[in-house]
Amino acid sequence: MKRTVLFLAFLLALLCVVGTGCSSNNSDERWDYRDGFVVAKEGDKILVVRDKVADSKAPLSEILENAKPNAMWISVDKADYDAVTVDDRVSINFPNGGVINQSYPAQTTADVDKK
């Protein structure tokens, strides 16, 4: 009995090491916040996610759930707000280093440029 338990523990550990049983998702990689895709605009803010969204017309709650944790509301000036539209890829520039509130979605103030 003890050998069987040890063998099963070894097998489980081996599966995790090989990656077939405990693999990680690529979306778990940290987002560097340097660029992303606009998925919504509201007031003086734009919502940017790391990866392109397959259906930008999907409900925002669904987009946020699929993008989690890689979404950020960015307060921008009027010129930047007017220069971008939903589905645009943008580069994000943080003046003076920028501070990012790590709520979900994250929140910050930045300059954005359409790519």
PDB file of N, CA and C in Angstrom:
ATOM      1  N   MET A   1       0.813  -1.190   0.000  1.00  0.00           N
ATOM      2  CA  MET A   1       0.000   0.000   0.000  1.00  0.00           C
ATOM      3  C   MET A   1       0.864   1.263   0.000  1.00  0.00           C
ATOM      4  N   LYS A   2       1.904   1.266   0.842  1.00  0.00           N
ATOM      5  CA  LYS A   2       2.797   2.414   0.939  1.00  0.00           C
ATOM      6  C   LYS A   2       3.522   2.650  -0.388  1.00  0.00           C
ATOM      7  N   ARG A   3       3.926   1.551  -1.054  1.00  0.00           N
ATOM      8  CA  ARG A   3       4.592   1.670  -2.347  1.00  0.00           C
ATOM      9  C   ARG A   3       3.656   2.272  -3.394  1.00  0.00           C
ATOM     10  N   THR A   4       2.396   1.900  -3.360  1.00  0.00           N
ATOM     11  CA  THR A   4       1.427   2.416  -4.322  1.00  0.00           C
ATOM     12  C   THR A   4       1.254   3.924  -4.143  1.00  0.00           C
ATOM     13  N   VAL A   5       1.139   4.380  -2.898  1.00  0.00           N
ATOM     14  CA  VAL A   5       0.989   5.810  -2.626  1.00  0.00           C
ATOM     15  C   VAL A   5       2.229   6.563  -3.081  1.00  0.00           C
ATOM     16  N   LEU A   6       3.403   6.046  -2.780  1.00  0.00           N
ATOM     17  CA  LEU A   6       4.642   6.681  -3.213  1.00  0.00           C
ATOM     18  C   LEU A   6       4.740   6.722  -4.739  1.00  0.00           C
ATOM     19  N   PHE A   7       4.352   5.635  -5.382  1.00  0.00           N
ATOM     20  CA  PHE A   7       4.387   5.590  -6.843  1.00  0.00           C
ATOM     21  C   PHE A   7       3.435   6.630  -7.432  1.00  0.00           C
ATOM     22  N   LEU A   8       2.225   6.745  -6.896  1.00  0.00           N
ATOM     23  CA  LEU A   8       1.261   7.729  -7.399  1.00  0.00           C
ATOM     24  C   LEU A   8       1.758   9.157  -7.156  1.00  0.00           C
ATOM     25  N   ALA A   9       2.373   9.407  -6.008  1.00  0.00           N
ATOM     26  CA  ALA A   9       2.927  10.731  -5.719  1.00  0.00           C
ATOM     27  C   ALA A   9       4.048  11.056  -6.712  1.00  0.00           C
ATOM     28  N   PHE A  10       4.905  10.082  -6.978  1.00  0.00           N
ATOM     29  CA  PHE A  10       5.980  10.276  -7.938  1.00  0.00           C
ATOM     30  C   PHE A  10       5.423  10.548  -9.333  1.00  0.00           C
ATOM     31  N   LEU A  11       4.416   9.800  -9.730  1.00  0.00           N
ATOM     32  CA  LEU A  11       3.801   9.971 -11.042  1.00  0.00           C
ATOM     33  C   LEU A  11       3.177  11.359 -11.179  1.00  0.00           C
ATOM     34  N   LEU A  12       2.488  11.809 -10.151  1.00  0.00           N
ATOM     35  CA  LEU A  12       1.881  13.143 -10.168  1.00  0.00           C
ATOM     36  C   LEU A  12       2.953  14.224 -10.273  1.00  0.00           C
ATOM     37  N   ALA A  13       4.023  14.088  -9.511  1.00  0.00           N
ATOM     38  CA  ALA A  13       5.124  15.050  -9.579  1.00  0.00           C
ATOM     39  C   ALA A  13       5.743  15.062 -10.966  1.00  0.00           C
ATOM     40  N   LEU A  14       5.915  13.906 -11.553  1.00  0.00           N
ATOM     41  CA  LEU A  14       6.483  13.801 -12.891  1.00  0.00           C
ATOM     42  C   LEU A  14       5.589  14.493 -13.921  1.00  0.00           C
ATOM     43  N   LEU A  15       4.286  14.304 -13.805  1.00  0.00           N
ATOM     44  CA  LEU A  15       3.349  14.961 -14.724  1.00  0.00           C
ATOM     45  C   LEU A  15       3.445  16.483 -14.608  1.00  0.00           C
ATOM     46  N   CYS A  16       3.582  16.983 -13.402  1.00  0.00           N
ATOM     47  CA  CYS A  16       3.708  18.427 -13.210  1.00  0.00           C
ATOM     48  C   CYS A  16       5.004  18.957 -13.814  1.00  0.00           C
ATOM     49  N   VAL A  17       6.090  18.232 -13.653  1.00  0.00           N
ATOM     50  CA  VAL A  17       7.377  18.657 -14.198  1.00  0.00           C
ATOM     51  C   VAL A  17       7.340  18.660 -15.711  1.00  0.00           C
ATOM     52  N   VAL A  18       6.765  17.633 -16.296  1.00  0.00           N
ATOM     53  CA  VAL A  18       6.679  17.531 -17.743  1.00  0.00           C
ATOM     54  C   VAL A  18       5.758  18.598 -18.306  1.00  0.00           C
ATOM     55  N   GLY A  19       4.763  19.023 -17.524  1.00  0.00           N
ATOM     56  CA  GLY A  19       3.893  20.089 -17.964  1.00  0.00           C
ATOM     57  C   GLY A  19       2.540  19.642 -18.467  1.00  0.00           C
ATOM     58  N   THR A  20       2.280  18.355 -18.482  1.00  0.00           N
ATOM     59  CA  THR A  20       0.986  17.920 -18.997  1.00  0.00           C
ATOM     60  C   THR A  20      -0.112  18.022 -17.952  1.00  0.00           C
ATOM     61  N   GLY A  21       0.249  18.019 -16.686  1.00  0.00           N
ATOM     62  CA  GLY A  21      -0.761  18.063 -15.645  1.00  0.00           C
ATOM     63  C   GLY A  21      -0.876  19.388 -14.954  1.00  0.00           C
ATOM     64  N   CYS A  22       0.177  20.182 -14.922  1.00  0.00           N
ATOM     65  CA  CYS A  22       0.177  21.442 -14.182  1.00  0.00           C
ATOM     66  C   CYS A  22       0.741  22.563 -15.036  1.00  0.00           C
ATOM     67  N   SER A  23       0.391  22.603 -16.275  1.00  0.00           N
ATOM     68  CA  SER A  23       0.947  23.622 -17.157  1.00  0.00           C
ATOM     69  C   SER A  23       0.343  24.976 -16.842  1.00  0.00           C
ATOM     70  N   SER A  24       1.113  26.035 -17.133  1.00  0.00           N
ATOM     71  CA  SER A  24       0.613  27.387 -16.909  1.00  0.00           C
ATOM     72  C   SER A  24       0.145  27.966 -18.226  1.00  0.00           C
ATOM     73  N   ASN A  25      -0.741  28.927 -18.149  1.00  0.00           N
ATOM     74  CA  ASN A  25      -1.328  29.590 -19.291  1.00  0.00           C
ATOM     75  C   ASN A  25      -0.442  30.762 -19.692  1.00  0.00           C
ATOM     76  N   ASN A  26      -0.216  30.978 -20.987  1.00  0.00           N
ATOM     77  CA  ASN A  26       0.589  32.111 -21.435  1.00  0.00           C
ATOM     78  C   ASN A  26       0.016  33.438 -21.004  1.00  0.00           C
ATOM     79  N   SER A  27      -1.287  33.522 -20.761  1.00  0.00           N
ATOM     80  CA  SER A  27      -1.885  34.780 -20.356  1.00  0.00           C
ATOM     81  C   SER A  27      -1.467  35.173 -18.950  1.00  0.00           C
ATOM     82  N   ASP A  28      -0.789  34.252 -18.232  1.00  0.00           N
ATOM     83  CA  ASP A  28      -0.305  34.566 -16.896  1.00  0.00           C
ATOM     84  C   ASP A  28       0.969  35.403 -16.934  1.00  0.00           C
ATOM     85  N   GLU A  29       1.578  35.556 -18.108  1.00  0.00           N
ATOM     86  CA  GLU A  29       2.768  36.374 -18.218  1.00  0.00           C
ATOM     87  C   GLU A  29       2.408  37.821 -17.876  1.00  0.00           C
ATOM     88  N   ARG A  30       3.348  38.515 -17.243  1.00  0.00           N
ATOM     89  CA  ARG A  30       3.091  39.901 -16.850  1.00  0.00           C
ATOM     90  C   ARG A  30       3.031  40.805 -18.068  1.00  0.00           C
ATOM     91  N   TRP A  31       2.088  41.715 -18.055  1.00  0.00           N
ATOM     92  CA  TRP A  31       1.928  42.715 -19.100  1.00  0.00           C
ATOM     93  C   TRP A  31       2.836  43.884 -18.760  1.00  0.00           C
ATOM     94  N   ASP A  32       3.600  44.380 -19.713  1.00  0.00           N
ATOM     95  CA  ASP A  32       4.515  45.490 -19.432  1.00  0.00           C
ATOM     96  C   ASP A  32       3.852  46.859 -19.582  1.00  0.00           C
ATOM     97  N   TYR A  33       2.602  46.910 -19.974  1.00  0.00           N
ATOM     98  CA  TYR A  33       1.817  48.147 -20.101  1.00  0.00           C
ATOM     99  C   TYR A  33       2.370  49.122 -21.137  1.00  0.00           C
ATOM    100  N   ARG A  34       3.176  48.666 -22.050  1.00  0.00           N
ATOM    101  CA  ARG A  34       3.739  49.566 -23.060  1.00  0.00           C
ATOM    102  C   ARG A  34       2.844  49.719 -24.276  1.00  0.00           C
ATOM    103  N   ASP A  35       2.043  48.697 -24.550  1.00  0.00           N
ATOM    104  CA  ASP A  35       1.089  48.808 -25.653  1.00  0.00           C
ATOM    105  C   ASP A  35      -0.081  47.875 -25.414  1.00  0.00           C
ATOM    106  N   GLY A  36      -1.129  48.092 -26.177  1.00  0.00           N
ATOM    107  CA  GLY A  36      -2.323  47.278 -26.037  1.00  0.00           C
ATOM    108  C   GLY A  36      -3.364  47.688 -27.054  1.00  0.00           C
ATOM    109  N   PHE A  37      -4.576  47.207 -26.853  1.00  0.00           N
ATOM    110  CA  PHE A  37      -5.667  47.453 -27.793  1.00  0.00           C
ATOM    111  C   PHE A  37      -6.828  48.136 -27.078  1.00  0.00           C
ATOM    112  N   VAL A  38      -7.369  49.168 -27.700  1.00  0.00           N
ATOM    113  CA  VAL A  38      -8.491  49.905 -27.130  1.00  0.00           C
ATOM    114  C   VAL A  38      -9.756  49.068 -27.294  1.00  0.00           C
ATOM    115  N   VAL A  39     -10.477  48.848 -26.182  1.00  0.00           N
ATOM    116  CA  VAL A  39     -11.724  48.085 -26.256  1.00  0.00           C
ATOM    117  C   VAL A  39     -12.934  48.913 -25.850  1.00  0.00           C
ATOM    118  N   ALA A  40     -12.711  50.090 -25.242  1.00  0.00           N
ATOM    119  CA  ALA A  40     -13.833  50.952 -24.870  1.00  0.00           C
ATOM    120  C   ALA A  40     -13.323  52.366 -24.625  1.00  0.00           C
ATOM    121  N   LYS A  41     -14.235  53.315 -24.780  1.00  0.00           N
ATOM    122  CA  LYS A  41     -13.956  54.723 -24.480  1.00  0.00           C
ATOM    123  C   LYS A  41     -15.117  55.232 -23.634  1.00  0.00           C
ATOM    124  N   GLU A  42     -14.782  56.009 -22.595  1.00  0.00           N
ATOM    125  CA  GLU A  42     -15.822  56.494 -21.693  1.00  0.00           C
ATOM    126  C   GLU A  42     -15.333  57.764 -21.002  1.00  0.00           C
ATOM    127  N   GLY A  43     -16.074  58.863 -21.173  1.00  0.00           N
ATOM    128  CA  GLY A  43     -15.664  60.124 -20.553  1.00  0.00           C
ATOM    129  C   GLY A  43     -14.325  60.564 -21.104  1.00  0.00           C
ATOM    130  N   ASP A  44     -13.326  60.682 -20.243  1.00  0.00           N
ATOM    131  CA  ASP A  44     -11.972  61.040 -20.675  1.00  0.00           C
ATOM    132  C   ASP A  44     -11.027  59.852 -20.539  1.00  0.00           C
ATOM    133  N   LYS A  45     -11.576  58.636 -20.526  1.00  0.00           N
ATOM    134  CA  LYS A  45     -10.768  57.425 -20.321  1.00  0.00           C
ATOM    135  C   LYS A  45     -10.944  56.459 -21.484  1.00  0.00           C
ATOM    136  N   ILE A  46      -9.896  55.683 -21.702  1.00  0.00           N
ATOM    137  CA  ILE A  46      -9.979  54.578 -22.655  1.00  0.00           C
ATOM    138  C   ILE A  46      -9.612  53.299 -21.904  1.00  0.00           C
ATOM    139  N   LEU A  47     -10.244  52.204 -22.290  1.00  0.00           N
ATOM    140  CA  LEU A  47      -9.945  50.908 -21.697  1.00  0.00           C
ATOM    141  C   LEU A  47      -9.058  50.148 -22.668  1.00  0.00           C
ATOM    142  N   VAL A  48      -7.867  49.771 -22.188  1.00  0.00           N
ATOM    143  CA  VAL A  48      -6.882  49.083 -23.021  1.00  0.00           C
ATOM    144  C   VAL A  48      -6.622  47.707 -22.433  1.00  0.00           C
ATOM    145  N   VAL A  49      -6.568  46.707 -23.302  1.00  0.00           N
ATOM    146  CA  VAL A  49      -6.219  45.345 -22.892  1.00  0.00           C
ATOM    147  C   VAL A  49      -4.945  44.938 -23.626  1.00  0.00           C
ATOM    148  N   ARG A  50      -4.257  43.945 -23.068  1.00  0.00           N
ATOM    149  CA  ARG A  50      -2.973  43.526 -23.641  1.00  0.00           C
ATOM    150  C   ARG A  50      -3.123  42.900 -25.014  1.00  0.00           C
ATOM    151  N   ASP A  51      -4.071  41.986 -25.177  1.00  0.00           N
ATOM    152  CA  ASP A  51      -4.199  41.230 -26.419  1.00  0.00           C
ATOM    153  C   ASP A  51      -5.413  41.671 -27.220  1.00  0.00           C
ATOM    154  N   LYS A  52      -5.308  41.533 -28.532  1.00  0.00           N
ATOM    155  CA  LYS A  52      -6.423  41.886 -29.413  1.00  0.00           C
ATOM    156  C   LYS A  52      -7.632  41.042 -29.071  1.00  0.00           C
ATOM    157  N   VAL A  53      -8.785  41.679 -29.050  1.00  0.00           N
ATOM    158  CA  VAL A  53     -10.039  41.019 -28.709  1.00  0.00           C
ATOM    159  C   VAL A  53     -10.675  40.480 -29.981  1.00  0.00           C
ATOM    160  N   ALA A  54     -11.120  39.241 -29.951  1.00  0.00           N
ATOM    161  CA  ALA A  54     -11.726  38.609 -31.125  1.00  0.00           C
ATOM    162  C   ALA A  54     -13.034  39.299 -31.511  1.00  0.00           C
ATOM    163  N   ASP A  55     -13.844  39.665 -30.521  1.00  0.00           N
ATOM    164  CA  ASP A  55     -15.142  40.297 -30.790  1.00  0.00           C
ATOM    165  C   ASP A  55     -15.274  41.560 -29.956  1.00  0.00           C
ATOM    166  N   SER A  56     -14.900  42.690 -30.539  1.00  0.00           N
ATOM    167  CA  SER A  56     -14.942  43.952 -29.797  1.00  0.00           C
ATOM    168  C   SER A  56     -16.371  44.427 -29.516  1.00  0.00           C
ATOM    169  N   LYS A  57     -17.349  43.772 -30.117  1.00  0.00           N
ATOM    170  CA  LYS A  57     -18.751  44.128 -29.874  1.00  0.00           C
ATOM    171  C   LYS A  57     -19.357  43.301 -28.733  1.00  0.00           C
ATOM    172  N   ALA A  58     -18.567  42.399 -28.170  1.00  0.00           N
ATOM    173  CA  ALA A  58     -19.029  41.583 -27.034  1.00  0.00           C
ATOM    174  C   ALA A  58     -19.272  42.498 -25.834  1.00  0.00           C
ATOM    175  N   PRO A  59     -20.083  42.061 -24.884  1.00  0.00           N
ATOM    176  CA  PRO A  59     -20.304  42.872 -23.681  1.00  0.00           C
ATOM    177  C   PRO A  59     -18.969  43.147 -22.971  1.00  0.00           C
ATOM    178  N   LEU A  60     -18.840  44.345 -22.427  1.00  0.00           N
ATOM    179  CA  LEU A  60     -17.602  44.742 -21.770  1.00  0.00           C
ATOM    180  C   LEU A  60     -17.240  43.798 -20.626  1.00  0.00           C
ATOM    181  N   SER A  61     -18.247  43.319 -19.913  1.00  0.00           N
ATOM    182  CA  SER A  61     -17.968  42.388 -18.808  1.00  0.00           C
ATOM    183  C   SER A  61     -17.299  41.113 -19.325  1.00  0.00           C
ATOM    184  N   GLU A  62     -17.720  40.642 -20.495  1.00  0.00           N
ATOM    185  CA  GLU A  62     -17.119  39.447 -21.095  1.00  0.00           C
ATOM    186  C   GLU A  62     -15.689  39.718 -21.553  1.00  0.00           C
ATOM    187  N   ILE A  63     -15.472  40.883 -22.166  1.00  0.00           N
ATOM    188  CA  ILE A  63     -14.128  41.264 -22.605  1.00  0.00           C
ATOM    189  C   ILE A  63     -13.192  41.330 -21.406  1.00  0.00           C
ATOM    190  N   LEU A  64     -13.661  41.952 -20.322  1.00  0.00           N
ATOM    191  CA  LEU A  64     -12.824  42.076 -19.120  1.00  0.00           C
ATOM    192  C   LEU A  64     -12.538  40.722 -18.493  1.00  0.00           C
ATOM    193  N   GLU A  65     -13.522  39.851 -18.481  1.00  0.00           N
ATOM    194  CA  GLU A  65     -13.323  38.512 -17.910  1.00  0.00           C
ATOM    195  C   GLU A  65     -12.268  37.740 -18.711  1.00  0.00           C
ATOM    196  N   ASN A  66     -12.326  37.843 -20.031  1.00  0.00           N
ATOM    197  CA  ASN A  66     -11.368  37.142 -20.880  1.00  0.00           C
ATOM    198  C   ASN A  66      -9.972  37.758 -20.828  1.00  0.00           C
ATOM    199  N   ALA A  67      -9.886  39.055 -20.577  1.00  0.00           N
ATOM    200  CA  ALA A  67      -8.598  39.751 -20.554  1.00  0.00           C
ATOM    201  C   ALA A  67      -7.909  39.680 -19.194  1.00  0.00           C
ATOM    202  N   LYS A  68      -8.649  39.294 -18.178  1.00  0.00           N
ATOM    203  CA  LYS A  68      -8.149  39.339 -16.804  1.00  0.00           C
ATOM    204  C   LYS A  68      -6.805  38.661 -16.672  1.00  0.00           C
ATOM    205  N   PRO A  69      -5.814  39.240 -16.079  1.00  0.00           N
ATOM    206  CA  PRO A  69      -5.759  40.507 -15.354  1.00  0.00           C
ATOM    207  C   PRO A  69      -5.217  41.663 -16.185  1.00  0.00           C
ATOM    208  N   ASN A  70      -5.212  41.523 -17.502  1.00  0.00           N
ATOM    209  CA  ASN A  70      -4.518  42.464 -18.381  1.00  0.00           C
ATOM    210  C   ASN A  70      -5.428  43.507 -19.020  1.00  0.00           C
ATOM    211  N   ALA A  71      -5.996  44.377 -18.178  1.00  0.00           N
ATOM    212  CA  ALA A  71      -6.831  45.468 -18.660  1.00  0.00           C
ATOM    213  C   ALA A  71      -6.552  46.699 -17.811  1.00  0.00           C
ATOM    214  N   MET A  72      -6.683  47.885 -18.430  1.00  0.00           N
ATOM    215  CA  MET A  72      -6.367  49.110 -17.712  1.00  0.00           C
ATOM    216  C   MET A  72      -7.178  50.285 -18.268  1.00  0.00           C
ATOM    217  N   TRP A  73      -7.851  51.002 -17.373  1.00  0.00           N
ATOM    218  CA  TRP A  73      -8.496  52.260 -17.734  1.00  0.00           C
ATOM    219  C   TRP A  73      -7.424  53.329 -17.693  1.00  0.00           C
ATOM    220  N   ILE A  74      -7.297  54.091 -18.776  1.00  0.00           N
ATOM    221  CA  ILE A  74      -6.282  55.138 -18.855  1.00  0.00           C
ATOM    222  C   ILE A  74      -6.977  56.480 -19.048  1.00  0.00           C
ATOM    223  N   SER A  75      -6.760  57.391 -18.110  1.00  0.00           N
ATOM    224  CA  SER A  75      -7.234  58.767 -18.282  1.00  0.00           C
ATOM    225  C   SER A  75      -6.273  59.457 -19.239  1.00  0.00           C
ATOM    226  N   VAL A  76      -6.834  60.056 -20.279  1.00  0.00           N
ATOM    227  CA  VAL A  76      -6.013  60.689 -21.311  1.00  0.00           C
ATOM    228  C   VAL A  76      -6.513  62.101 -21.571  1.00  0.00           C
ATOM    229  N   ASP A  77      -5.679  62.907 -22.235  1.00  0.00           N
ATOM    230  CA  ASP A  77      -6.141  64.245 -22.594  1.00  0.00           C
ATOM    231  C   ASP A  77      -7.066  64.150 -23.806  1.00  0.00           C
ATOM    232  N   LYS A  78      -7.758  65.232 -24.083  1.00  0.00           N
ATOM    233  CA  LYS A  78      -8.771  65.231 -25.143  1.00  0.00           C
ATOM    234  C   LYS A  78      -8.191  64.858 -26.506  1.00  0.00           C
ATOM    235  N   ALA A  79      -7.000  65.348 -26.816  1.00  0.00           N
ATOM    236  CA  ALA A  79      -6.390  65.045 -28.122  1.00  0.00           C
ATOM    237  C   ALA A  79      -6.149  63.547 -28.279  1.00  0.00           C
ATOM    238  N   ASP A  80      -5.625  62.901 -27.232  1.00  0.00           N
ATOM    239  CA  ASP A  80      -5.398  61.453 -27.302  1.00  0.00           C
ATOM    240  C   ASP A  80      -6.719  60.698 -27.376  1.00  0.00           C
ATOM    241  N   TYR A  81      -7.714  61.161 -26.608  1.00  0.00           N
ATOM    242  CA  TYR A  81      -9.024  60.506 -26.603  1.00  0.00           C
ATOM    243  C   TYR A  81      -9.633  60.545 -28.001  1.00  0.00           C
ATOM    244  N   ASP A  82      -9.565  61.711 -28.634  1.00  0.00           N
ATOM    245  CA  ASP A  82     -10.156  61.877 -29.964  1.00  0.00           C
ATOM    246  C   ASP A  82      -9.368  61.150 -31.056  1.00  0.00           C
ATOM    247  N   ALA A  83      -8.077  60.899 -30.820  1.00  0.00           N
ATOM    248  CA  ALA A  83      -7.217  60.318 -31.857  1.00  0.00           C
ATOM    249  C   ALA A  83      -7.358  58.803 -31.981  1.00  0.00           C
ATOM    250  N   VAL A  84      -7.939  58.143 -30.969  1.00  0.00           N
ATOM    251  CA  VAL A  84      -8.034  56.682 -31.024  1.00  0.00           C
ATOM    252  C   VAL A  84      -9.480  56.223 -31.059  1.00  0.00           C
ATOM    253  N   THR A  85      -9.676  55.038 -31.633  1.00  0.00           N
ATOM    254  CA  THR A  85     -11.007  54.436 -31.664  1.00  0.00           C
ATOM    255  C   THR A  85     -10.899  53.001 -31.141  1.00  0.00           C
ATOM    256  N   VAL A  86     -12.041  52.419 -30.847  1.00  0.00           N
ATOM    257  CA  VAL A  86     -12.076  51.028 -30.398  1.00  0.00           C
ATOM    258  C   VAL A  86     -11.439  50.159 -31.481  1.00  0.00           C
ATOM    259  N   ASP A  87     -10.651  49.179 -31.072  1.00  0.00           N
ATOM    260  CA  ASP A  87      -9.888  48.245 -31.910  1.00  0.00           C
ATOM    261  C   ASP A  87      -8.515  48.765 -32.316  1.00  0.00           C
ATOM    262  N   ASP A  88      -8.202  50.055 -32.040  1.00  0.00           N
ATOM    263  CA  ASP A  88      -6.875  50.571 -32.365  1.00  0.00           C
ATOM    264  C   ASP A  88      -5.823  49.950 -31.444  1.00  0.00           C
ATOM    265  N   ARG A  89      -4.661  49.712 -32.002  1.00  0.00           N
ATOM    266  CA  ARG A  89      -3.503  49.324 -31.184  1.00  0.00           C
ATOM    267  C   ARG A  89      -2.811  50.621 -30.783  1.00  0.00           C
ATOM    268  N   VAL A  90      -2.475  50.756 -29.514  1.00  0.00           N
ATOM    269  CA  VAL A  90      -1.863  51.981 -29.030  1.00  0.00           C
ATOM    270  C   VAL A  90      -0.595  51.688 -28.243  1.00  0.00           C
ATOM    271  N   SER A  91       0.314  52.656 -28.267  1.00  0.00           N
ATOM    272  CA  SER A  91       1.459  52.600 -27.365  1.00  0.00           C
ATOM    273  C   SER A  91       1.115  53.505 -26.189  1.00  0.00           C
ATOM    274  N   ILE A  92       1.568  53.102 -25.008  1.00  0.00           N
ATOM    275  CA  ILE A  92       1.228  53.807 -23.774  1.00  0.00           C
ATOM    276  C   ILE A  92       2.506  54.404 -23.202  1.00  0.00           C
ATOM    277  N   ASN A  93       2.458  55.718 -22.934  1.00  0.00           N
ATOM    278  CA  ASN A  93       3.623  56.427 -22.407  1.00  0.00           C
ATOM    279  C   ASN A  93       3.252  57.065 -21.078  1.00  0.00           C
ATOM    280  N   PHE A  94       4.013  56.726 -20.046  1.00  0.00           N
ATOM    281  CA  PHE A  94       3.742  57.228 -18.708  1.00  0.00           C
ATOM    282  C   PHE A  94       4.652  58.419 -18.410  1.00  0.00           C
ATOM    283  N   PRO A  95       4.087  59.636 -18.349  1.00  0.00           N
ATOM    284  CA  PRO A  95       4.929  60.777 -18.006  1.00  0.00           C
ATOM    285  C   PRO A  95       5.383  60.665 -16.544  1.00  0.00           C
ATOM    286  N   ASN A  96       6.618  61.024 -16.283  1.00  0.00           N
ATOM    287  CA  ASN A  96       7.184  60.997 -14.923  1.00  0.00           C
ATOM    288  C   ASN A  96       7.093  59.628 -14.275  1.00  0.00           C
ATOM    289  N   GLY A  97       7.241  58.578 -15.051  1.00  0.00           N
ATOM    290  CA  GLY A  97       7.246  57.231 -14.493  1.00  0.00           C
ATOM    291  C   GLY A  97       5.874  56.621 -14.325  1.00  0.00           C
ATOM    292  N   GLY A  98       4.853  57.421 -14.113  1.00  0.00           N
ATOM    293  CA  GLY A  98       3.475  56.938 -13.994  1.00  0.00           C
ATOM    294  C   GLY A  98       3.213  56.063 -12.792  1.00  0.00           C
ATOM    295  N   VAL A  99       2.035  56.186 -12.262  1.00  0.00           N
ATOM    296  CA  VAL A  99       1.591  55.360 -11.152  1.00  0.00           C
ATOM    297  C   VAL A  99       0.391  54.568 -11.638  1.00  0.00           C
ATOM    298  N   ILE A 100       0.389  53.275 -11.396  1.00  0.00           N
ATOM    299  CA  ILE A 100      -0.713  52.423 -11.836  1.00  0.00           C
ATOM    300  C   ILE A 100      -1.417  51.862 -10.613  1.00  0.00           C
ATOM    301  N   ASN A 101      -2.700  52.169 -10.478  1.00  0.00           N
ATOM    302  CA  ASN A 101      -3.521  51.587  -9.426  1.00  0.00           C
ATOM    303  C   ASN A 101      -3.817  50.153  -9.858  1.00  0.00           C
ATOM    304  N   GLN A 102      -3.423  49.192  -9.060  1.00  0.00           N
ATOM    305  CA  GLN A 102      -3.515  47.785  -9.442  1.00  0.00           C
ATOM    306  C   GLN A 102      -4.879  47.150  -9.154  1.00  0.00           C
ATOM    307  N   SER A 103      -5.939  47.942  -9.140  1.00  0.00           N
ATOM    308  CA  SER A 103      -7.277  47.365  -9.049  1.00  0.00           C
ATOM    309  C   SER A 103      -7.538  46.594 -10.338  1.00  0.00           C
ATOM    310  N   TYR A 104      -8.718  46.016 -10.488  1.00  0.00           N
ATOM    311  CA  TYR A 104      -9.041  45.410 -11.777  1.00  0.00           C
ATOM    312  C   TYR A 104     -10.322  45.999 -12.307  1.00  0.00           C
ATOM    313  N   PRO A 105     -10.282  46.579 -13.495  1.00  0.00           N
ATOM    314  CA  PRO A 105      -9.085  46.833 -14.275  1.00  0.00           C
ATOM    315  C   PRO A 105      -8.200  47.883 -13.594  1.00  0.00           C
ATOM    316  N   ALA A 106      -6.910  47.828 -13.899  1.00  0.00           N
ATOM    317  CA  ALA A 106      -5.971  48.804 -13.363  1.00  0.00           C
ATOM    318  C   ALA A 106      -6.387  50.194 -13.845  1.00  0.00           C
ATOM    319  N   GLN A 107      -5.892  51.229 -13.169  1.00  0.00           N
ATOM    320  CA  GLN A 107      -6.222  52.605 -13.536  1.00  0.00           C
ATOM    321  C   GLN A 107      -4.967  53.455 -13.491  1.00  0.00           C
ATOM    322  N   THR A 108      -4.842  54.368 -14.460  1.00  0.00           N
ATOM    323  CA  THR A 108      -3.685  55.253 -14.509  1.00  0.00           C
ATOM    324  C   THR A 108      -3.989  56.451 -15.385  1.00  0.00           C
ATOM    325  N   THR A 109      -3.041  57.352 -15.439  1.00  0.00           N
ATOM    326  CA  THR A 109      -3.071  58.472 -16.372  1.00  0.00           C
ATOM    327  C   THR A 109      -1.852  58.324 -17.267  1.00  0.00           C
ATOM    328  N   ALA A 110      -2.038  58.463 -18.561  1.00  0.00           N
ATOM    329  CA  ALA A 110      -0.922  58.280 -19.491  1.00  0.00           C
ATOM    330  C   ALA A 110      -1.230  58.973 -20.824  1.00  0.00           C
ATOM    331  N   ASP A 111      -0.229  59.031 -21.650  1.00  0.00           N
ATOM    332  CA  ASP A 111      -0.392  59.486 -23.027  1.00  0.00           C
ATOM    333  C   ASP A 111      -0.457  58.241 -23.903  1.00  0.00           C
ATOM    334  N   VAL A 112      -1.283  58.274 -24.931  1.00  0.00           N
ATOM    335  CA  VAL A 112      -1.357  57.152 -25.844  1.00  0.00           C
ATOM    336  C   VAL A 112      -1.165  57.623 -27.271  1.00  0.00           C
ATOM    337  N   ASP A 113      -0.549  56.785 -28.066  1.00  0.00           N
ATOM    338  CA  ASP A 113      -0.345  57.062 -29.495  1.00  0.00           C
ATOM    339  C   ASP A 113      -0.830  55.870 -30.284  1.00  0.00           C
ATOM    340  N   LYS A 114      -1.602  56.149 -31.318  1.00  0.00           N
ATOM    341  CA  LYS A 114      -2.076  55.084 -32.204  1.00  0.00           C
ATOM    342  C   LYS A 114      -0.894  54.508 -32.951  1.00  0.00           C
ATOM    343  N   LYS A 115      -0.822  53.189 -33.013  1.00  0.00           N
ATOM    344  CA  LYS A 115       0.280  52.516 -33.732  1.00  0.00           C
ATOM    345  C   LYS A 115      -0.101  52.234 -35.151  1.00  0.00           C
TER     346      LYS A 115
END
